[in-house]
PDB file of N, CA and C in Angstrom:
ATOM      1  N   MET A   1     158.508 -30.812 109.790  1.00  0.00           N
ATOM      2  CA  MET A   1     158.624 -29.900 110.910  1.00  0.00           C
ATOM      3  C   MET A   1     157.736 -30.397 112.049  1.00  0.00           C
ATOM      4  N   PHE A   2     158.275 -30.423 113.231  1.00  0.00           N
ATOM      5  CA  PHE A   2     157.546 -30.858 114.427  1.00  0.00           C
ATOM      6  C   PHE A   2     157.008 -32.283 114.284  1.00  0.00           C
ATOM      7  N   THR A   3     157.839 -33.186 113.783  1.00  0.00           N
ATOM      8  CA  THR A   3     157.422 -34.569 113.543  1.00  0.00           C
ATOM      9  C   THR A   3     157.071 -35.308 114.829  1.00  0.00           C
ATOM     10  N   GLU A   4     157.552 -34.824 115.961  1.00  0.00           N
ATOM     11  CA  GLU A   4     157.260 -35.498 117.227  1.00  0.00           C
ATOM     12  C   GLU A   4     155.844 -35.221 117.729  1.00  0.00           C
ATOM     13  N   TYR A   5     155.136 -34.297 117.065  1.00  0.00           N
ATOM     14  CA  TYR A   5     153.772 -33.951 117.469  1.00  0.00           C
ATOM     15  C   TYR A   5     152.750 -34.590 116.530  1.00  0.00           C
ATOM     16  N   ASP A   6     151.568 -34.872 117.079  1.00  0.00           N
ATOM     17  CA  ASP A   6     150.465 -35.383 116.266  1.00  0.00           C
ATOM     18  C   ASP A   6     149.957 -34.279 115.339  1.00  0.00           C
ATOM     19  N   GLU A   7     149.091 -34.652 114.412  1.00  0.00           N
ATOM     20  CA  GLU A   7     148.523 -33.680 113.464  1.00  0.00           C
ATOM     21  C   GLU A   7     147.561 -32.708 114.147  1.00  0.00           C
ATOM     22  N   ILE A   8     146.967 -33.126 115.254  1.00  0.00           N
ATOM     23  CA  ILE A   8     146.104 -32.255 116.058  1.00  0.00           C
ATOM     24  C   ILE A   8     146.845 -31.965 117.359  1.00  0.00           C
ATOM     25  N   LEU A   9     146.996 -30.688 117.664  1.00  0.00           N
ATOM     26  CA  LEU A   9     147.780 -30.281 118.828  1.00  0.00           C
ATOM     27  C   LEU A   9     146.885 -29.902 120.001  1.00  0.00           C
ATOM     28  N   SER A  10     147.396 -30.165 121.181  1.00  0.00           N
ATOM     29  CA  SER A  10     146.737 -29.692 122.395  1.00  0.00           C
ATOM     30  C   SER A  10     147.233 -28.276 122.690  1.00  0.00           C
ATOM     31  N   ILE A  11     146.568 -27.621 123.607  1.00  0.00           N
ATOM     32  CA  ILE A  11     147.002 -26.291 124.045  1.00  0.00           C
ATOM     33  C   ILE A  11     148.427 -26.374 124.592  1.00  0.00           C
ATOM     34  N   GLU A  12     148.708 -27.425 125.329  1.00  0.00           N
ATOM     35  CA  GLU A  12     150.042 -27.608 125.903  1.00  0.00           C
ATOM     36  C   GLU A  12     151.095 -27.782 124.807  1.00  0.00           C
ATOM     37  N   ASP A  13     150.752 -28.491 123.726  1.00  0.00           N
ATOM     38  CA  ASP A  13     151.675 -28.640 122.603  1.00  0.00           C
ATOM     39  C   ASP A  13     151.991 -27.286 121.980  1.00  0.00           C
ATOM     40  N   VAL A  14     150.971 -26.480 121.768  1.00  0.00           N
ATOM     41  CA  VAL A  14     151.170 -25.152 121.176  1.00  0.00           C
ATOM     42  C   VAL A  14     152.030 -24.295 122.101  1.00  0.00           C
ATOM     43  N   MET A  15     151.787 -24.383 123.392  1.00  0.00           N
ATOM     44  CA  MET A  15     152.596 -23.650 124.365  1.00  0.00           C
ATOM     45  C   MET A  15     154.063 -24.039 124.237  1.00  0.00           C
ATOM     46  N   GLU A  16     154.308 -25.325 124.123  1.00  0.00           N
ATOM     47  CA  GLU A  16     155.676 -25.843 124.038  1.00  0.00           C
ATOM     48  C   GLU A  16     156.348 -25.429 122.726  1.00  0.00           C
ATOM     49  N   ILE A  17     155.631 -25.546 121.633  1.00  0.00           N
ATOM     50  CA  ILE A  17     156.191 -25.208 120.322  1.00  0.00           C
ATOM     51  C   ILE A  17     156.566 -23.734 120.245  1.00  0.00           C
ATOM     52  N   LEU A  18     155.653 -22.865 120.713  1.00  0.00           N
ATOM     53  CA  LEU A  18     155.859 -21.420 120.596  1.00  0.00           C
ATOM     54  C   LEU A  18     156.580 -20.801 121.794  1.00  0.00           C
ATOM     55  N   HIS A  19     156.779 -21.580 122.846  1.00  0.00           N
ATOM     56  CA  HIS A  19     157.428 -21.087 124.072  1.00  0.00           C
ATOM     57  C   HIS A  19     156.674 -19.895 124.648  1.00  0.00           C
ATOM     58  N   ILE A  20     155.359 -20.061 124.754  1.00  0.00           N
ATOM     59  CA  ILE A  20     154.520 -19.011 125.333  1.00  0.00           C
ATOM     60  C   ILE A  20     153.585 -19.645 126.361  1.00  0.00           C
ATOM     61  N   GLY A  21     152.919 -18.818 127.120  1.00  0.00           N
ATOM     62  CA  GLY A  21     152.017 -19.289 128.164  1.00  0.00           C
ATOM     63  C   GLY A  21     150.625 -19.605 127.638  1.00  0.00           C
ATOM     64  N   LYS A  22     149.846 -20.195 128.512  1.00  0.00           N
ATOM     65  CA  LYS A  22     148.488 -20.627 128.165  1.00  0.00           C
ATOM     66  C   LYS A  22     147.604 -19.451 127.753  1.00  0.00           C
ATOM     67  N   ASN A  23     147.672 -18.350 128.492  1.00  0.00           N
ATOM     68  CA  ASN A  23     146.845 -17.190 128.148  1.00  0.00           C
ATOM     69  C   ASN A  23     147.192 -16.647 126.765  1.00  0.00           C
ATOM     70  N   SER A  24     148.458 -16.654 126.421  1.00  0.00           N
ATOM     71  CA  SER A  24     148.871 -16.186 125.097  1.00  0.00           C
ATOM     72  C   SER A  24     148.354 -17.104 124.003  1.00  0.00           C
ATOM     73  N   VAL A  25     148.380 -18.403 124.241  1.00  0.00           N
ATOM     74  CA  VAL A  25     147.849 -19.353 123.259  1.00  0.00           C
ATOM     75  C   VAL A  25     146.364 -19.104 123.052  1.00  0.00           C
ATOM     76  N   TYR A  26     145.617 -18.987 124.141  1.00  0.00           N
ATOM     77  CA  TYR A  26     144.180 -18.741 124.019  1.00  0.00           C
ATOM     78  C   TYR A  26     143.901 -17.426 123.291  1.00  0.00           C
ATOM     79  N   SER A  27     144.707 -16.421 123.525  1.00  0.00           N
ATOM     80  CA  SER A  27     144.546 -15.145 122.835  1.00  0.00           C
ATOM     81  C   SER A  27     144.745 -15.308 121.326  1.00  0.00           C
ATOM     82  N   LEU A  28     145.774 -16.062 120.929  1.00  0.00           N
ATOM     83  CA  LEU A  28     146.024 -16.315 119.508  1.00  0.00           C
ATOM     84  C   LEU A  28     144.889 -17.112 118.870  1.00  0.00           C
ATOM     85  N   LEU A  29     144.334 -18.049 119.621  1.00  0.00           N
ATOM     86  CA  LEU A  29     143.241 -18.860 119.095  1.00  0.00           C
ATOM     87  C   LEU A  29     141.960 -18.038 118.977  1.00  0.00           C
ATOM     88  N   LYS A  30     141.654 -17.248 120.006  1.00  0.00           N
ATOM     89  CA  LYS A  30     140.430 -16.452 119.992  1.00  0.00           C
ATOM     90  C   LYS A  30     140.459 -15.390 118.903  1.00  0.00           C
ATOM     91  N   SER A  31     141.634 -14.836 118.621  1.00  0.00           N
ATOM     92  CA  SER A  31     141.754 -13.826 117.563  1.00  0.00           C
ATOM     93  C   SER A  31     141.908 -14.462 116.187  1.00  0.00           C
ATOM     94  N   ASN A  32     141.953 -15.779 116.153  1.00  0.00           N
ATOM     95  CA  ASN A  32     142.088 -16.566 114.920  1.00  0.00           C
ATOM     96  C   ASN A  32     143.413 -16.321 114.210  1.00  0.00           C
ATOM     97  N   GLU A  33     144.425 -15.859 114.941  1.00  0.00           N
ATOM     98  CA  GLU A  33     145.761 -15.740 114.365  1.00  0.00           C
ATOM     99  C   GLU A  33     146.329 -17.125 114.100  1.00  0.00           C
ATOM    100  N   ILE A  34     145.939 -18.083 114.928  1.00  0.00           N
ATOM    101  CA  ILE A  34     146.213 -19.498 114.662  1.00  0.00           C
ATOM    102  C   ILE A  34     144.857 -20.119 114.398  1.00  0.00           C
ATOM    103  N   ARG A  35     144.674 -20.601 113.180  1.00  0.00           N
ATOM    104  CA  ARG A  35     143.381 -21.170 112.811  1.00  0.00           C
ATOM    105  C   ARG A  35     143.082 -22.388 113.666  1.00  0.00           C
ATOM    106  N   ASN A  36     141.827 -22.518 114.028  1.00  0.00           N
ATOM    107  CA  ASN A  36     141.416 -23.593 114.915  1.00  0.00           C
ATOM    108  C   ASN A  36     139.953 -23.903 114.694  1.00  0.00           C
ATOM    109  N   ILE A  37     139.517 -24.988 115.272  1.00  0.00           N
ATOM    110  CA  ILE A  37     138.115 -25.375 115.234  1.00  0.00           C
ATOM    111  C   ILE A  37     137.656 -25.450 116.674  1.00  0.00           C
ATOM    112  N   ARG A  38     136.525 -24.857 116.948  1.00  0.00           N
ATOM    113  CA  ARG A  38     135.994 -24.863 118.308  1.00  0.00           C
ATOM    114  C   ARG A  38     134.881 -25.900 118.377  1.00  0.00           C
ATOM    115  N   VAL A  39     135.025 -26.846 119.275  1.00  0.00           N
ATOM    116  CA  VAL A  39     134.003 -27.872 119.506  1.00  0.00           C
ATOM    117  C   VAL A  39     133.596 -27.754 120.967  1.00  0.00           C
ATOM    118  N   GLY A  40     132.434 -27.151 121.178  1.00  0.00           N
ATOM    119  CA  GLY A  40     132.021 -26.879 122.550  1.00  0.00           C
ATOM    120  C   GLY A  40     132.997 -25.912 123.187  1.00  0.00           C
ATOM    121  N   LYS A  41     133.575 -26.311 124.289  1.00  0.00           N
ATOM    122  CA  LYS A  41     134.566 -25.477 124.973  1.00  0.00           C
ATOM    123  C   LYS A  41     135.996 -25.814 124.554  1.00  0.00           C
ATOM    124  N   ARG A  42     136.131 -26.817 123.712  1.00  0.00           N
ATOM    125  CA  ARG A  42     137.454 -27.324 123.358  1.00  0.00           C
ATOM    126  C   ARG A  42     137.939 -26.751 122.028  1.00  0.00           C
ATOM    127  N   TYR A  43     139.238 -26.463 121.962  1.00  0.00           N
ATOM    128  CA  TYR A  43     139.861 -26.012 120.730  1.00  0.00           C
ATOM    129  C   TYR A  43     140.573 -27.192 120.071  1.00  0.00           C
ATOM    130  N   ILE A  44     140.379 -27.318 118.773  1.00  0.00           N
ATOM    131  CA  ILE A  44     141.122 -28.296 117.987  1.00  0.00           C
ATOM    132  C   ILE A  44     142.079 -27.500 117.120  1.00  0.00           C
ATOM    133  N   VAL A  45     143.371 -27.754 117.276  1.00  0.00           N
ATOM    134  CA  VAL A  45     144.388 -26.972 116.591  1.00  0.00           C
ATOM    135  C   VAL A  45     145.177 -27.884 115.655  1.00  0.00           C
ATOM    136  N   PRO A  46     144.981 -27.741 114.347  1.00  0.00           N
ATOM    137  CA  PRO A  46     145.787 -28.520 113.407  1.00  0.00           C
ATOM    138  C   PRO A  46     147.248 -28.058 113.450  1.00  0.00           C
ATOM    139  N   LYS A  47     148.158 -29.004 113.386  1.00  0.00           N
ATOM    140  CA  LYS A  47     149.588 -28.674 113.417  1.00  0.00           C
ATOM    141  C   LYS A  47     149.942 -27.713 112.282  1.00  0.00           C
ATOM    142  N   GLN A  48     149.334 -27.897 111.117  1.00  0.00           N
ATOM    143  CA  GLN A  48     149.628 -27.033 109.978  1.00  0.00           C
ATOM    144  C   GLN A  48     149.281 -25.575 110.264  1.00  0.00           C
ATOM    145  N   SER A  49     148.276 -25.323 111.091  1.00  0.00           N
ATOM    146  CA  SER A  49     147.910 -23.955 111.458  1.00  0.00           C
ATOM    147  C   SER A  49     149.031 -23.276 112.235  1.00  0.00           C
ATOM    148  N   VAL A  50     149.672 -24.017 113.109  1.00  0.00           N
ATOM    149  CA  VAL A  50     150.790 -23.459 113.883  1.00  0.00           C
ATOM    150  C   VAL A  50     151.983 -23.229 112.960  1.00  0.00           C
ATOM    151  N   ILE A  51     152.238 -24.154 112.055  1.00  0.00           N
ATOM    152  CA  ILE A  51     153.332 -23.979 111.093  1.00  0.00           C
ATOM    153  C   ILE A  51     153.081 -22.749 110.225  1.00  0.00           C
ATOM    154  N   ASN A  52     151.838 -22.580 109.763  1.00  0.00           N
ATOM    155  CA  ASN A  52     151.494 -21.403 108.958  1.00  0.00           C
ATOM    156  C   ASN A  52     151.698 -20.104 109.759  1.00  0.00           C
ATOM    157  N   PHE A  53     151.319 -20.126 111.027  1.00  0.00           N
ATOM    158  CA  PHE A  53     151.492 -18.958 111.883  1.00  0.00           C
ATOM    159  C   PHE A  53     152.975 -18.606 112.018  1.00  0.00           C
ATOM    160  N   ILE A  54     153.806 -19.609 112.265  1.00  0.00           N
ATOM    161  CA  ILE A  54     155.243 -19.387 112.420  1.00  0.00           C
ATOM    162  C   ILE A  54     155.828 -18.839 111.113  1.00  0.00           C
ATOM    163  N   THR A  55     155.426 -19.411 110.005  1.00  0.00           N
ATOM    164  CA  THR A  55     155.912 -18.953 108.697  1.00  0.00           C
ATOM    165  C   THR A  55     155.519 -17.513 108.451  1.00  0.00           C
ATOM    166  N   ALA A  56     154.282 -17.165 108.771  1.00  0.00           N
ATOM    167  CA  ALA A  56     153.793 -15.797 108.551  1.00  0.00           C
ATOM    168  C   ALA A  56     154.550 -14.775 109.385  1.00  0.00           C
ATOM    169  N   ILE A  57     154.819 -15.096 110.639  1.00  0.00           N
ATOM    170  CA  ILE A  57     155.482 -14.098 111.497  1.00  0.00           C
ATOM    171  C   ILE A  57     156.970 -14.006 111.187  1.00  0.00           C
ATOM    172  N   THR A  58     157.568 -15.061 110.645  1.00  0.00           N
ATOM    173  CA  THR A  58     158.993 -14.998 110.322  1.00  0.00           C
ATOM    174  C   THR A  58     159.247 -14.326 108.978  1.00  0.00           C
ATOM    175  N   GLU A  59     158.223 -14.239 108.137  1.00  0.00           N
ATOM    176  CA  GLU A  59     158.370 -13.562 106.848  1.00  0.00           C
ATOM    177  C   GLU A  59     158.328 -12.066 106.987  1.00  0.00           C
ATOM    178  N   ASN A  60     157.751 -11.565 108.075  1.00  0.00           N
ATOM    179  CA  ASN A  60     157.642 -10.096 108.258  1.00  0.00           C
ATOM    180  C   ASN A  60     158.873  -9.507 108.841  1.00  0.00           C
TER     181      ASN A  60
END
């Protein structure tokens, strides 16, 4: 799934995958709905975290 993306996603990648805006992505990251690692001001988003998020919301 999402083979065209690297294992670590940028905010722009997450926006593109989920078809949402930047503020929505940051909201999901800050609430930890999409697991991430914070390094300074930068978010590191593993691709698997986005896949897990999509799986979780589609199961409900």
